[in-house]
Amino acid sequence: MRRNRAITNGWARFAAVIAAVAISACSTLPPEPEPVEEQPEIVVEPPVAIAEPRPPVKLIKPPQPRQLPPVAIVLTNNQPAYAEVAQELIRHLVDFDIYDLHENGAPPVSILRAINDSDASAVVAIGLRAAQSAVAMSGVPVIFSQVFNHQDHDLLGDSSRGISALAPLDAQIVAWKKMDPAVSRIGAIIGPGHDDLIAEAELAAARHGIELRVQVADSDQQTLYYFKRMVRDIDGYWLFPDNRILSPRVLDQMLAEANRQGVPVGVPNESMLKMGAAISMSTMASDIAAAIVKVLRKLQAGELEQVPPLTPLEEIRVAINGELLSRPAVAQSTTSNSSEEVDR
């Protein structure tokens, strides 16, 4: 009994020691950290750009050209070449009067007196007789057209300007080569006083690989003589509208000889195709009228001195004689900047 009590007392002492050690160990360990609450992630968004209100778009109507001032149009006669230009011109005008020297019956001096007494700010003279009369007697600036030999009549001056009587030469060469690719040597005969025109034609031909042979003649007989010598060595003839060195008789002989030799002739008037010409390269009435309007605008702005003596044209009308060029008959118009379109 005493022994069991001793064992019991021994176990009790052992348990007390173990408990004391456990308590001591607990007292030396660091305390557990208190739980920390997880902080929410903070995301910084870039500032939102606030678009400033735009002013309303204003539709600005482009400025319209000012109405042209009153114009007097004087025609040499009412042939289509003149009347068509006048008809196209009046499309651009509001205030105008038309005078036909042939139909009116009154002498040019009385017509020009009436024009000088009117409020016309310019005279547009179409054809040589109208140009001569207007330049000699008009009290306002003169713009003339449809005149080839202007230098023989002193039509250019401080208050007069002209419009070229020919379609652009470069465009003529391009059109000719389109219609007749084999052409390489072209001849031309022209009267005196056209040195600038000859130089321009030579440059245009050279730009397109054409050899241009030019003779200057003083009469229709001399023209025929030069032509008969020239026609054997060329494959194209370029006819300029110089009536000083051409007559109906000589023209008929030249076209007949050209056809015998198989040489196509290029002419400035489509009606000449029926006479035996192969290709016509003519001006267009609408283009002439547009050139006149350009000069009138300069005159209106007080800038006539900036206008060249002759204003060049920009368009060309091409037609061919299909029997001579072995191609379907065609009539086309084009600008000088896109003359390749004649072959469409």
C-alpha atoms as a PDB file:
ATOM      1  CA  MET A   1       0.000   0.000   0.000  1.00  0.00           C
ATOM      2  CA  ARG A   2       2.853   2.270   0.965  1.00  0.00           C
ATOM      3  CA  ARG A   3       4.623   1.260  -2.208  1.00  0.00           C
ATOM      4  CA  ASN A   4       1.664   2.179  -4.457  1.00  0.00           C
ATOM      5  CA  ARG A   5       1.428   5.552  -2.728  1.00  0.00           C
ATOM      6  CA  ALA A   6       5.110   6.105  -3.441  1.00  0.00           C
ATOM      7  CA  ILE A   7       4.644   5.259  -7.118  1.00  0.00           C
ATOM      8  CA  THR A   8       1.704   7.528  -7.280  1.00  0.00           C
ATOM      9  CA  ASN A   9       3.656  10.316  -5.649  1.00  0.00           C
ATOM     10  CA  GLY A  10       6.528   9.751  -8.117  1.00  0.00           C
ATOM     11  CA  TRP A  11       4.245  10.072 -11.128  1.00  0.00           C
ATOM     12  CA  ALA A  12       2.791  13.167  -9.680  1.00  0.00           C
ATOM     13  CA  ARG A  13       6.197  14.754  -9.265  1.00  0.00           C
ATOM     14  CA  PHE A  14       7.128  13.795 -12.847  1.00  0.00           C
ATOM     15  CA  ALA A  15       3.966  15.278 -14.232  1.00  0.00           C
ATOM     16  CA  ALA A  16       4.640  18.442 -12.281  1.00  0.00           C
ATOM     17  CA  VAL A  17       8.153  18.691 -13.756  1.00  0.00           C
ATOM     18  CA  ILE A  18       6.868  18.188 -17.290  1.00  0.00           C
ATOM     19  CA  ALA A  19       4.252  20.829 -16.816  1.00  0.00           C
ATOM     20  CA  ALA A  20       6.851  23.215 -15.417  1.00  0.00           C
ATOM     21  CA  VAL A  21       9.115  22.642 -18.413  1.00  0.00           C
ATOM     22  CA  ALA A  22       6.218  23.181 -20.820  1.00  0.00           C
ATOM     23  CA  ILE A  23       5.294  26.398 -19.101  1.00  0.00           C
ATOM     24  CA  SER A  24       8.913  27.518 -19.169  1.00  0.00           C
ATOM     25  CA  ALA A  25       9.218  26.750 -22.913  1.00  0.00           C
ATOM     26  CA  CYS A  26       6.082  28.624 -23.646  1.00  0.00           C
ATOM     27  CA  SER A  27       7.393  31.619 -21.828  1.00  0.00           C
ATOM     28  CA  THR A  28      10.583  31.727 -24.069  1.00  0.00           C
ATOM     29  CA  LEU A  29       8.862  31.431 -27.501  1.00  0.00           C
ATOM     30  CA  PRO A  30       7.958  34.670 -29.303  1.00  0.00           C
ATOM     31  CA  PRO A  31       4.293  35.469 -29.397  1.00  0.00           C
ATOM     32  CA  GLU A  32       2.451  34.635 -32.616  1.00  0.00           C
ATOM     33  CA  PRO A  33       1.815  37.773 -34.776  1.00  0.00           C
ATOM     34  CA  GLU A  34      -1.652  39.034 -34.905  1.00  0.00           C
ATOM     35  CA  PRO A  35      -3.361  38.445 -38.258  1.00  0.00           C
ATOM     36  CA  VAL A  36      -3.144  41.429 -40.658  1.00  0.00           C
ATOM     37  CA  GLU A  37      -6.086  42.265 -42.801  1.00  0.00           C
ATOM     38  CA  GLU A  38      -5.300  42.126 -46.574  1.00  0.00           C
ATOM     39  CA  GLN A  39      -5.356  45.618 -48.097  1.00  0.00           C
ATOM     40  CA  PRO A  40      -7.259  46.078 -51.384  1.00  0.00           C
ATOM     41  CA  GLU A  41      -5.077  46.761 -54.498  1.00  0.00           C
ATOM     42  CA  ILE A  42      -5.177  50.394 -55.576  1.00  0.00           C
ATOM     43  CA  VAL A  43      -5.192  50.935 -59.356  1.00  0.00           C
ATOM     44  CA  VAL A  44      -4.520  54.448 -60.644  1.00  0.00           C
ATOM     45  CA  GLU A  45      -6.413  55.040 -63.865  1.00  0.00           C
ATOM     46  CA  PRO A  46      -5.067  57.648 -66.344  1.00  0.00           C
ATOM     47  CA  PRO A  47      -7.110  60.802 -66.439  1.00  0.00           C
ATOM     48  CA  VAL A  48      -9.872  60.796 -69.029  1.00  0.00           C
ATOM     49  CA  ALA A  49      -9.255  63.399 -71.702  1.00  0.00           C
ATOM     50  CA  ILE A  50     -12.228  65.616 -72.098  1.00  0.00           C
ATOM     51  CA  ALA A  51     -12.603  66.678 -75.729  1.00  0.00           C
ATOM     52  CA  GLU A  52     -13.087  70.357 -76.111  1.00  0.00           C
ATOM     53  CA  PRO A  53     -16.189  71.205 -78.088  1.00  0.00           C
ATOM     54  CA  ARG A  54     -15.359  71.978 -81.715  1.00  0.00           C
ATOM     55  CA  PRO A  55     -16.843  75.000 -83.359  1.00  0.00           C
ATOM     56  CA  PRO A  56     -19.430  74.157 -85.982  1.00  0.00           C
ATOM     57  CA  VAL A  57     -18.047  73.725 -89.490  1.00  0.00           C
ATOM     58  CA  LYS A  58     -18.913  76.637 -91.711  1.00  0.00           C
ATOM     59  CA  LEU A  59     -19.474  75.797 -95.328  1.00  0.00           C
ATOM     60  CA  ILE A  60     -17.816  78.601 -97.228  1.00  0.00           C
ATOM     61  CA  LYS A  61     -19.014  79.066-100.749  1.00  0.00           C
ATOM     62  CA  PRO A  62     -16.060  79.664-103.075  1.00  0.00           C
ATOM     63  CA  PRO A  63     -15.983  83.172-104.427  1.00  0.00           C
ATOM     64  CA  GLN A  64     -17.705  83.492-107.753  1.00  0.00           C
ATOM     65  CA  PRO A  65     -15.919  85.327-110.538  1.00  0.00           C
ATOM     66  CA  ARG A  66     -17.112  88.845-110.989  1.00  0.00           C
ATOM     67  CA  GLN A  67     -19.439  89.549-113.832  1.00  0.00           C
ATOM     68  CA  LEU A  68     -17.479  90.661-116.851  1.00  0.00           C
ATOM     69  CA  PRO A  69     -17.976  94.279-117.901  1.00  0.00           C
ATOM     70  CA  PRO A  70     -19.871  95.228-121.078  1.00  0.00           C
ATOM     71  CA  VAL A  71     -18.235  93.946-124.263  1.00  0.00           C
ATOM     72  CA  ALA A  72     -18.725  94.797-127.941  1.00  0.00           C
ATOM     73  CA  ILE A  73     -18.274  91.813-130.285  1.00  0.00           C
ATOM     74  CA  VAL A  74     -17.433  92.704-133.886  1.00  0.00           C
ATOM     75  CA  LEU A  75     -17.565  89.998-136.577  1.00  0.00           C
ATOM     76  CA  THR A  76     -15.976  90.316-140.002  1.00  0.00           C
ATOM     77  CA  ASN A  77     -18.961  88.379-141.347  1.00  0.00           C
ATOM     78  CA  ASN A  78     -21.279  85.630-140.222  1.00  0.00           C
ATOM     79  CA  GLN A  79     -19.384  82.655-141.609  1.00  0.00           C
ATOM     80  CA  PRO A  80     -19.469  79.685-139.177  1.00  0.00           C
ATOM     81  CA  ALA A  81     -15.840  80.023-138.091  1.00  0.00           C
ATOM     82  CA  TYR A  82     -16.625  83.497-136.725  1.00  0.00           C
ATOM     83  CA  ALA A  83     -20.223  83.038-135.635  1.00  0.00           C
ATOM     84  CA  GLU A  84     -19.413  79.918-133.592  1.00  0.00           C
ATOM     85  CA  VAL A  85     -16.760  81.786-131.592  1.00  0.00           C
ATOM     86  CA  ALA A  86     -19.225  84.602-130.883  1.00  0.00           C
ATOM     87  CA  GLN A  87     -21.878  82.091-129.837  1.00  0.00           C
ATOM     88  CA  GLU A  88     -19.504  80.408-127.396  1.00  0.00           C
ATOM     89  CA  LEU A  89     -18.274  83.746-126.077  1.00  0.00           C
ATOM     90  CA  ILE A  90     -21.691  85.103-125.140  1.00  0.00           C
ATOM     91  CA  ARG A  91     -22.142  82.115-122.818  1.00  0.00           C
ATOM     92  CA  HIS A  92     -19.647  83.867-120.552  1.00  0.00           C
ATOM     93  CA  LEU A  93     -21.111  87.356-120.873  1.00  0.00           C
ATOM     94  CA  VAL A  94     -24.119  89.153-119.469  1.00  0.00           C
ATOM     95  CA  ASP A  95     -23.796  92.587-121.051  1.00  0.00           C
ATOM     96  CA  PHE A  96     -22.758  92.548-124.708  1.00  0.00           C
ATOM     97  CA  ASP A  97     -23.603  93.809-128.190  1.00  0.00           C
ATOM     98  CA  ILE A  98     -22.812  92.036-131.464  1.00  0.00           C
ATOM     99  CA  TYR A  99     -21.940  93.881-134.668  1.00  0.00           C
ATOM    100  CA  ASP A 100     -21.602  92.100-138.020  1.00  0.00           C
ATOM    101  CA  LEU A 101     -19.637  94.210-140.502  1.00  0.00           C
ATOM    102  CA  HIS A 102     -21.070  92.261-143.416  1.00  0.00           C
ATOM    103  CA  GLU A 103     -24.748  92.276-142.478  1.00  0.00           C
ATOM    104  CA  ASN A 104     -24.946  95.687-140.844  1.00  0.00           C
ATOM    105  CA  GLY A 105     -24.351  97.568-144.067  1.00  0.00           C
ATOM    106  CA  ALA A 106     -22.872 100.547-142.226  1.00  0.00           C
ATOM    107  CA  PRO A 107     -19.191 101.348-142.736  1.00  0.00           C
ATOM    108  CA  PRO A 108     -16.878 100.126-139.961  1.00  0.00           C
ATOM    109  CA  VAL A 109     -16.155 103.707-138.876  1.00  0.00           C
ATOM    110  CA  SER A 110     -19.783 104.340-137.954  1.00  0.00           C
ATOM    111  CA  ILE A 111     -19.979 101.053-136.058  1.00  0.00           C
ATOM    112  CA  LEU A 112     -16.841 101.850-134.077  1.00  0.00           C
ATOM    113  CA  ARG A 113     -18.174 105.323-133.303  1.00  0.00           C
ATOM    114  CA  ALA A 114     -21.292 103.734-131.866  1.00  0.00           C
ATOM    115  CA  ILE A 115     -19.129 101.363-129.810  1.00  0.00           C
ATOM    116  CA  ASN A 116     -16.998 104.241-128.531  1.00  0.00           C
ATOM    117  CA  ASP A 117     -20.160 106.061-127.468  1.00  0.00           C
ATOM    118  CA  SER A 118     -21.409 103.006-125.588  1.00  0.00           C
ATOM    119  CA  ASP A 119     -20.326 101.729-122.187  1.00  0.00           C
ATOM    120  CA  ALA A 120     -18.295  98.853-123.677  1.00  0.00           C
ATOM    121  CA  SER A 121     -15.048  98.290-121.817  1.00  0.00           C
ATOM    122  CA  ALA A 122     -13.469  96.188-124.577  1.00  0.00           C
ATOM    123  CA  VAL A 123     -13.941  95.153-128.188  1.00  0.00           C
ATOM    124  CA  VAL A 124     -13.635  91.531-129.236  1.00  0.00           C
ATOM    125  CA  ALA A 125     -12.886  91.478-132.962  1.00  0.00           C
ATOM    126  CA  ILE A 126     -13.293  88.182-134.829  1.00  0.00           C
ATOM    127  CA  GLY A 127     -11.668  87.957-138.252  1.00  0.00           C
ATOM    128  CA  LEU A 128      -9.177  90.197-140.042  1.00  0.00           C
ATOM    129  CA  ARG A 129     -11.458  93.019-141.200  1.00  0.00           C
ATOM    130  CA  ALA A 130     -13.035  93.337-137.763  1.00  0.00           C
ATOM    131  CA  ALA A 131      -9.589  93.329-136.133  1.00  0.00           C
ATOM    132  CA  GLN A 132      -8.210  95.987-138.482  1.00  0.00           C
ATOM    133  CA  SER A 133     -11.190  98.267-137.924  1.00  0.00           C
ATOM    134  CA  ALA A 134     -11.262  97.824-134.146  1.00  0.00           C
ATOM    135  CA  VAL A 135      -7.526  98.346-133.625  1.00  0.00           C
ATOM    136  CA  ALA A 136      -7.553 101.455-135.833  1.00  0.00           C
ATOM    137  CA  MET A 137     -10.637 103.126-134.366  1.00  0.00           C
ATOM    138  CA  SER A 138     -11.593 101.689-130.985  1.00  0.00           C
ATOM    139  CA  GLY A 139     -11.258 103.875-127.916  1.00  0.00           C
ATOM    140  CA  VAL A 140     -11.095 100.816-125.635  1.00  0.00           C
ATOM    141  CA  PRO A 141      -8.780  97.777-125.593  1.00  0.00           C
ATOM    142  CA  VAL A 142      -9.170  95.240-128.411  1.00  0.00           C
ATOM    143  CA  ILE A 143      -8.872  91.442-128.312  1.00  0.00           C
ATOM    144  CA  PHE A 144      -8.791  89.858-131.761  1.00  0.00           C
ATOM    145  CA  SER A 145      -9.010  86.250-132.924  1.00  0.00           C
ATOM    146  CA  GLN A 146      -9.132  84.184-136.120  1.00  0.00           C
ATOM    147  CA  VAL A 147      -6.294  86.206-137.653  1.00  0.00           C
ATOM    148  CA  PHE A 148      -3.167  84.395-138.892  1.00  0.00           C
ATOM    149  CA  ASN A 149      -1.060  87.164-140.448  1.00  0.00           C
ATOM    150  CA  HIS A 150      -1.507  89.762-137.721  1.00  0.00           C
ATOM    151  CA  GLN A 151       2.051  91.065-138.176  1.00  0.00           C
ATOM    152  CA  ASP A 152       1.256  92.353-141.667  1.00  0.00           C
ATOM    153  CA  HIS A 153      -1.374  94.692-140.241  1.00  0.00           C
ATOM    154  CA  ASP A 154       0.259  95.917-137.007  1.00  0.00           C
ATOM    155  CA  LEU A 155      -2.571  94.560-134.909  1.00  0.00           C
ATOM    156  CA  LEU A 156      -0.580  94.147-131.709  1.00  0.00           C
ATOM    157  CA  GLY A 157      -0.078  97.222-129.551  1.00  0.00           C
ATOM    158  CA  ASP A 158      -0.265  98.610-126.049  1.00  0.00           C
ATOM    159  CA  SER A 159      -4.027  98.207-125.901  1.00  0.00           C
ATOM    160  CA  SER A 160      -4.549  95.234-128.223  1.00  0.00           C
ATOM    161  CA  ARG A 161      -3.934  91.514-127.768  1.00  0.00           C
ATOM    162  CA  GLY A 162      -4.553  88.502-129.963  1.00  0.00           C
ATOM    163  CA  ILE A 163      -5.585  84.864-129.632  1.00  0.00           C
ATOM    164  CA  SER A 164      -3.562  82.276-131.516  1.00  0.00           C
ATOM    165  CA  ALA A 165      -5.086  81.226-134.832  1.00  0.00           C
ATOM    166  CA  LEU A 166      -3.700  77.679-134.565  1.00  0.00           C
ATOM    167  CA  ALA A 167      -4.340  74.691-132.376  1.00  0.00           C
ATOM    168  CA  PRO A 168      -1.321  73.884-130.133  1.00  0.00           C
ATOM    169  CA  LEU A 169       1.519  72.760-132.408  1.00  0.00           C
ATOM    170  CA  ASP A 170       2.791  70.104-130.024  1.00  0.00           C
ATOM    171  CA  ALA A 171      -0.672  68.582-129.814  1.00  0.00           C
ATOM    172  CA  GLN A 172      -0.897  68.600-133.611  1.00  0.00           C
ATOM    173  CA  ILE A 173       2.293  66.572-133.926  1.00  0.00           C
ATOM    174  CA  VAL A 174       1.170  64.098-131.267  1.00  0.00           C
ATOM    175  CA  ALA A 175      -2.216  63.669-132.930  1.00  0.00           C
ATOM    176  CA  TRP A 176      -0.604  63.203-136.349  1.00  0.00           C
ATOM    177  CA  LYS A 177       1.706  60.484-135.068  1.00  0.00           C
ATOM    178  CA  LYS A 178      -1.210  58.760-133.391  1.00  0.00           C
ATOM    179  CA  MET A 179      -3.143  58.706-136.635  1.00  0.00           C
ATOM    180  CA  ASP A 180      -0.138  57.909-138.840  1.00  0.00           C
ATOM    181  CA  PRO A 181       2.693  56.299-136.806  1.00  0.00           C
ATOM    182  CA  ALA A 182       4.881  55.945-139.917  1.00  0.00           C
ATOM    183  CA  VAL A 183       5.284  59.696-140.407  1.00  0.00           C
ATOM    184  CA  SER A 184       8.871  60.849-139.793  1.00  0.00           C
ATOM    185  CA  ARG A 185       9.631  63.663-142.273  1.00  0.00           C
ATOM    186  CA  ILE A 186       7.154  66.524-142.536  1.00  0.00           C
ATOM    187  CA  GLY A 187       7.386  69.467-144.888  1.00  0.00           C
ATOM    188  CA  ALA A 188       5.863  72.916-144.511  1.00  0.00           C
ATOM    189  CA  ILE A 189       5.816  76.115-146.569  1.00  0.00           C
ATOM    190  CA  ILE A 190       4.909  79.438-144.964  1.00  0.00           C
ATOM    191  CA  GLY A 191       5.031  83.116-145.858  1.00  0.00           C
ATOM    192  CA  PRO A 192       7.472  85.647-144.387  1.00  0.00           C
ATOM    193  CA  GLY A 193       7.155  87.088-140.896  1.00  0.00           C
ATOM    194  CA  HIS A 194       6.536  83.843-139.006  1.00  0.00           C
ATOM    195  CA  ASP A 195       9.985  83.168-137.571  1.00  0.00           C
ATOM    196  CA  ASP A 196       8.597  82.510-134.086  1.00  0.00           C
ATOM    197  CA  LEU A 197       6.010  80.094-135.442  1.00  0.00           C
ATOM    198  CA  ILE A 198       8.643  78.214-137.436  1.00  0.00           C
ATOM    199  CA  ALA A 199      10.870  77.914-134.379  1.00  0.00           C
ATOM    200  CA  GLU A 200       7.979  76.630-132.292  1.00  0.00           C
ATOM    201  CA  ALA A 201       7.016  74.092-134.971  1.00  0.00           C
ATOM    202  CA  GLU A 202      10.601  72.840-135.252  1.00  0.00           C
ATOM    203  CA  LEU A 203      10.811  72.351-131.487  1.00  0.00           C
ATOM    204  CA  ALA A 204       7.486  70.502-131.416  1.00  0.00           C
ATOM    205  CA  ALA A 205       8.577  68.210-134.246  1.00  0.00           C
ATOM    206  CA  ALA A 206      11.972  67.505-132.676  1.00  0.00           C
ATOM    207  CA  ARG A 207      10.360  66.594-129.349  1.00  0.00           C
ATOM    208  CA  HIS A 208       8.527  63.769-131.087  1.00  0.00           C
ATOM    209  CA  GLY A 209      11.278  62.543-133.387  1.00  0.00           C
ATOM    210  CA  ILE A 210       9.990  64.293-136.506  1.00  0.00           C
ATOM    211  CA  GLU A 211      12.268  65.942-139.056  1.00  0.00           C
ATOM    212  CA  LEU A 212      10.618  69.201-140.135  1.00  0.00           C
ATOM    213  CA  ARG A 213      11.631  70.767-143.441  1.00  0.00           C
ATOM    214  CA  VAL A 214      10.431  74.362-143.853  1.00  0.00           C
ATOM    215  CA  GLN A 215      10.538  76.717-146.822  1.00  0.00           C
ATOM    216  CA  VAL A 216       9.538  80.403-146.796  1.00  0.00           C
ATOM    217  CA  ALA A 217       7.644  81.503-149.914  1.00  0.00           C
ATOM    218  CA  ASP A 218       6.519  84.901-151.190  1.00  0.00           C
ATOM    219  CA  SER A 219       3.722  83.853-153.553  1.00  0.00           C
ATOM    220  CA  ASP A 220       1.419  80.991-154.408  1.00  0.00           C
ATOM    221  CA  GLN A 221       3.515  80.075-157.464  1.00  0.00           C
ATOM    222  CA  GLN A 222       6.636  79.891-155.339  1.00  0.00           C
ATOM    223  CA  THR A 223       4.743  77.734-152.877  1.00  0.00           C
ATOM    224  CA  LEU A 224       3.798  75.308-155.650  1.00  0.00           C
ATOM    225  CA  TYR A 225       7.384  75.213-156.906  1.00  0.00           C
ATOM    226  CA  TYR A 226       8.786  74.419-153.450  1.00  0.00           C
ATOM    227  CA  PHE A 227       6.082  71.859-152.840  1.00  0.00           C
ATOM    228  CA  LYS A 228       6.767  69.875-156.016  1.00  0.00           C
ATOM    229  CA  ARG A 229      10.437  69.661-155.076  1.00  0.00           C
ATOM    230  CA  MET A 230       9.711  68.828-151.437  1.00  0.00           C
ATOM    231  CA  VAL A 231       6.966  66.231-151.844  1.00  0.00           C
ATOM    232  CA  ARG A 232       9.339  63.534-153.111  1.00  0.00           C
ATOM    233  CA  ASP A 233      11.357  63.541-149.890  1.00  0.00           C
ATOM    234  CA  ILE A 234       8.698  63.766-147.182  1.00  0.00           C
ATOM    235  CA  ASP A 235       6.000  61.473-145.819  1.00  0.00           C
ATOM    236  CA  GLY A 236       3.706  64.234-144.563  1.00  0.00           C
ATOM    237  CA  TYR A 237       2.917  67.856-145.419  1.00  0.00           C
ATOM    238  CA  TRP A 238       1.802  70.410-142.819  1.00  0.00           C
ATOM    239  CA  LEU A 239      -0.389  73.102-144.370  1.00  0.00           C
ATOM    240  CA  PHE A 240      -0.573  76.436-142.534  1.00  0.00           C
ATOM    241  CA  PRO A 241      -3.465  78.849-143.267  1.00  0.00           C
ATOM    242  CA  ASP A 242      -1.330  81.532-144.935  1.00  0.00           C
ATOM    243  CA  ASN A 243      -3.588  82.940-147.669  1.00  0.00           C
ATOM    244  CA  ARG A 244      -0.791  85.220-148.892  1.00  0.00           C
ATOM    245  CA  ILE A 245       0.979  82.243-150.470  1.00  0.00           C
ATOM    246  CA  LEU A 246      -2.010  80.025-151.230  1.00  0.00           C
ATOM    247  CA  SER A 247      -4.762  80.268-153.808  1.00  0.00           C
ATOM    248  CA  PRO A 248      -7.581  77.833-154.559  1.00  0.00           C
ATOM    249  CA  ARG A 249      -5.878  76.782-157.803  1.00  0.00           C
ATOM    250  CA  VAL A 250      -2.498  76.141-156.195  1.00  0.00           C
ATOM    251  CA  LEU A 251      -4.092  74.392-153.235  1.00  0.00           C
ATOM    252  CA  ASP A 252      -5.955  71.989-155.540  1.00  0.00           C
ATOM    253  CA  GLN A 253      -2.727  71.198-157.404  1.00  0.00           C
ATOM    254  CA  MET A 254      -0.819  70.609-154.174  1.00  0.00           C
ATOM    255  CA  LEU A 255      -3.418  68.192-152.792  1.00  0.00           C
ATOM    256  CA  ALA A 256      -3.620  66.321-156.101  1.00  0.00           C
ATOM    257  CA  GLU A 257       0.165  65.963-156.266  1.00  0.00           C
ATOM    258  CA  ALA A 258       0.361  64.859-152.637  1.00  0.00           C
ATOM    259  CA  ASN A 259      -2.183  62.099-153.245  1.00  0.00           C
ATOM    260  CA  ARG A 260      -0.297  60.921-156.352  1.00  0.00           C
ATOM    261  CA  GLN A 261       2.858  60.691-154.271  1.00  0.00           C
ATOM    262  CA  GLY A 262       1.065  59.038-151.344  1.00  0.00           C
ATOM    263  CA  VAL A 263       1.940  61.915-148.987  1.00  0.00           C
ATOM    264  CA  PRO A 264      -0.774  62.691-146.391  1.00  0.00           C
ATOM    265  CA  VAL A 265      -1.526  66.388-145.914  1.00  0.00           C
ATOM    266  CA  GLY A 266      -2.418  67.846-142.509  1.00  0.00           C
ATOM    267  CA  VAL A 267      -4.701  70.884-142.676  1.00  0.00           C
ATOM    268  CA  PRO A 268      -6.178  73.393-140.184  1.00  0.00           C
ATOM    269  CA  ASN A 269      -9.790  73.018-141.331  1.00  0.00           C
ATOM    270  CA  GLU A 270     -11.972  69.921-141.287  1.00  0.00           C
ATOM    271  CA  SER A 271     -13.824  70.938-144.454  1.00  0.00           C
ATOM    272  CA  MET A 272     -10.584  70.440-146.416  1.00  0.00           C
ATOM    273  CA  LEU A 273     -10.780  66.678-145.918  1.00  0.00           C
ATOM    274  CA  LYS A 274     -13.282  66.589-148.774  1.00  0.00           C
ATOM    275  CA  MET A 275     -10.687  68.290-150.992  1.00  0.00           C
ATOM    276  CA  GLY A 276      -8.192  65.468-150.495  1.00  0.00           C
ATOM    277  CA  ALA A 277      -6.438  66.272-147.195  1.00  0.00           C
ATOM    278  CA  ALA A 278      -5.718  63.309-144.927  1.00  0.00           C
ATOM    279  CA  ILE A 279      -5.949  64.781-141.455  1.00  0.00           C
ATOM    280  CA  SER A 280      -7.349  68.010-140.034  1.00  0.00           C
ATOM    281  CA  MET A 281      -6.122  69.532-136.771  1.00  0.00           C
ATOM    282  CA  SER A 282      -8.311  72.522-136.090  1.00  0.00           C
ATOM    283  CA  THR A 283      -9.133  74.934-133.292  1.00  0.00           C
ATOM    284  CA  MET A 284     -12.318  74.744-131.237  1.00  0.00           C
ATOM    285  CA  ALA A 285     -14.702  77.673-130.843  1.00  0.00           C
ATOM    286  CA  SER A 286     -15.192  76.969-127.140  1.00  0.00           C
ATOM    287  CA  ASP A 287     -11.427  77.034-126.575  1.00  0.00           C
ATOM    288  CA  ILE A 288     -11.052  80.347-128.425  1.00  0.00           C
ATOM    289  CA  ALA A 289     -13.880  81.848-126.362  1.00  0.00           C
ATOM    290  CA  ALA A 290     -12.271  80.627-123.122  1.00  0.00           C
ATOM    291  CA  ALA A 291      -8.962  82.250-124.125  1.00  0.00           C
ATOM    292  CA  ILE A 292     -10.764  85.543-124.853  1.00  0.00           C
ATOM    293  CA  VAL A 293     -12.414  85.407-121.423  1.00  0.00           C
ATOM    294  CA  LYS A 294      -8.998  84.946-119.777  1.00  0.00           C
ATOM    295  CA  VAL A 295      -7.776  88.140-121.420  1.00  0.00           C
ATOM    296  CA  LEU A 296     -10.981  89.974-120.455  1.00  0.00           C
ATOM    297  CA  ARG A 297     -10.420  88.934-116.833  1.00  0.00           C
ATOM    298  CA  LYS A 298      -6.911  90.348-116.931  1.00  0.00           C
ATOM    299  CA  LEU A 299      -8.237  93.521-118.473  1.00  0.00           C
ATOM    300  CA  GLN A 300     -10.895  93.732-115.774  1.00  0.00           C
ATOM    301  CA  ALA A 301      -8.186  93.448-113.117  1.00  0.00           C
ATOM    302  CA  GLY A 302      -6.099  96.181-114.759  1.00  0.00           C
ATOM    303  CA  GLU A 303      -3.396  93.679-115.759  1.00  0.00           C
ATOM    304  CA  LEU A 304      -3.452  93.886-119.551  1.00  0.00           C
ATOM    305  CA  GLU A 305       0.317  94.450-119.585  1.00  0.00           C
ATOM    306  CA  GLN A 306       0.743  90.934-118.153  1.00  0.00           C
ATOM    307  CA  VAL A 307      -1.037  89.342-121.112  1.00  0.00           C
ATOM    308  CA  PRO A 308       1.260  87.996-123.867  1.00  0.00           C
ATOM    309  CA  PRO A 309       0.828  89.419-127.372  1.00  0.00           C
ATOM    310  CA  LEU A 310      -0.795  86.170-128.490  1.00  0.00           C
ATOM    311  CA  THR A 311      -2.574  83.930-126.014  1.00  0.00           C
ATOM    312  CA  PRO A 312      -2.064  80.255-126.954  1.00  0.00           C
ATOM    313  CA  LEU A 313      -4.928  77.827-127.255  1.00  0.00           C
ATOM    314  CA  GLU A 314      -5.189  74.610-125.275  1.00  0.00           C
ATOM    315  CA  GLU A 315      -7.425  72.275-127.267  1.00  0.00           C
ATOM    316  CA  ILE A 316      -7.440  70.623-130.660  1.00  0.00           C
ATOM    317  CA  ARG A 317     -10.046  68.938-132.807  1.00  0.00           C
ATOM    318  CA  VAL A 318      -8.761  66.082-134.958  1.00  0.00           C
ATOM    319  CA  ALA A 319     -10.502  64.416-137.890  1.00  0.00           C
ATOM    320  CA  ILE A 320      -9.156  62.122-140.610  1.00  0.00           C
ATOM    321  CA  ASN A 321      -9.945  61.065-144.120  1.00  0.00           C
ATOM    322  CA  GLY A 322     -10.333  57.336-143.591  1.00  0.00           C
ATOM    323  CA  GLU A 323      -9.732  56.538-147.267  1.00  0.00           C
ATOM    324  CA  LEU A 324      -6.279  58.115-147.216  1.00  0.00           C
ATOM    325  CA  LEU A 325      -5.101  56.856-143.831  1.00  0.00           C
ATOM    326  CA  SER A 326      -6.827  53.453-144.097  1.00  0.00           C
ATOM    327  CA  ARG A 327      -8.586  54.009-140.817  1.00  0.00           C
ATOM    328  CA  PRO A 328     -12.223  54.563-139.865  1.00  0.00           C
ATOM    329  CA  ALA A 329     -13.313  58.183-140.201  1.00  0.00           C
ATOM    330  CA  VAL A 330     -13.210  59.880-136.833  1.00  0.00           C
ATOM    331  CA  ALA A 331     -13.624  63.280-135.261  1.00  0.00           C
ATOM    332  CA  GLN A 332     -12.223  63.867-131.812  1.00  0.00           C
ATOM    333  CA  SER A 333     -11.441  66.817-129.618  1.00  0.00           C
ATOM    334  CA  THR A 334      -8.883  66.909-126.857  1.00  0.00           C
ATOM    335  CA  THR A 335      -6.689  69.207-124.826  1.00  0.00           C
ATOM    336  CA  SER A 336      -3.051  69.762-125.631  1.00  0.00           C
ATOM    337  CA  ASN A 337      -2.101  68.014-122.384  1.00  0.00           C
ATOM    338  CA  SER A 338      -3.867  64.800-123.294  1.00  0.00           C
ATOM    339  CA  SER A 339      -3.786  64.659-127.058  1.00  0.00           C
ATOM    340  CA  GLU A 340      -3.093  60.918-126.974  1.00  0.00           C
ATOM    341  CA  GLU A 341      -6.827  60.486-126.468  1.00  0.00           C
ATOM    342  CA  VAL A 342      -7.536  61.199-130.114  1.00  0.00           C
ATOM    343  CA  ASP A 343      -6.940  57.513-130.829  1.00  0.00           C
ATOM    344  CA  ARG A 344      -9.733  56.214-128.626  1.00  0.00           C
END
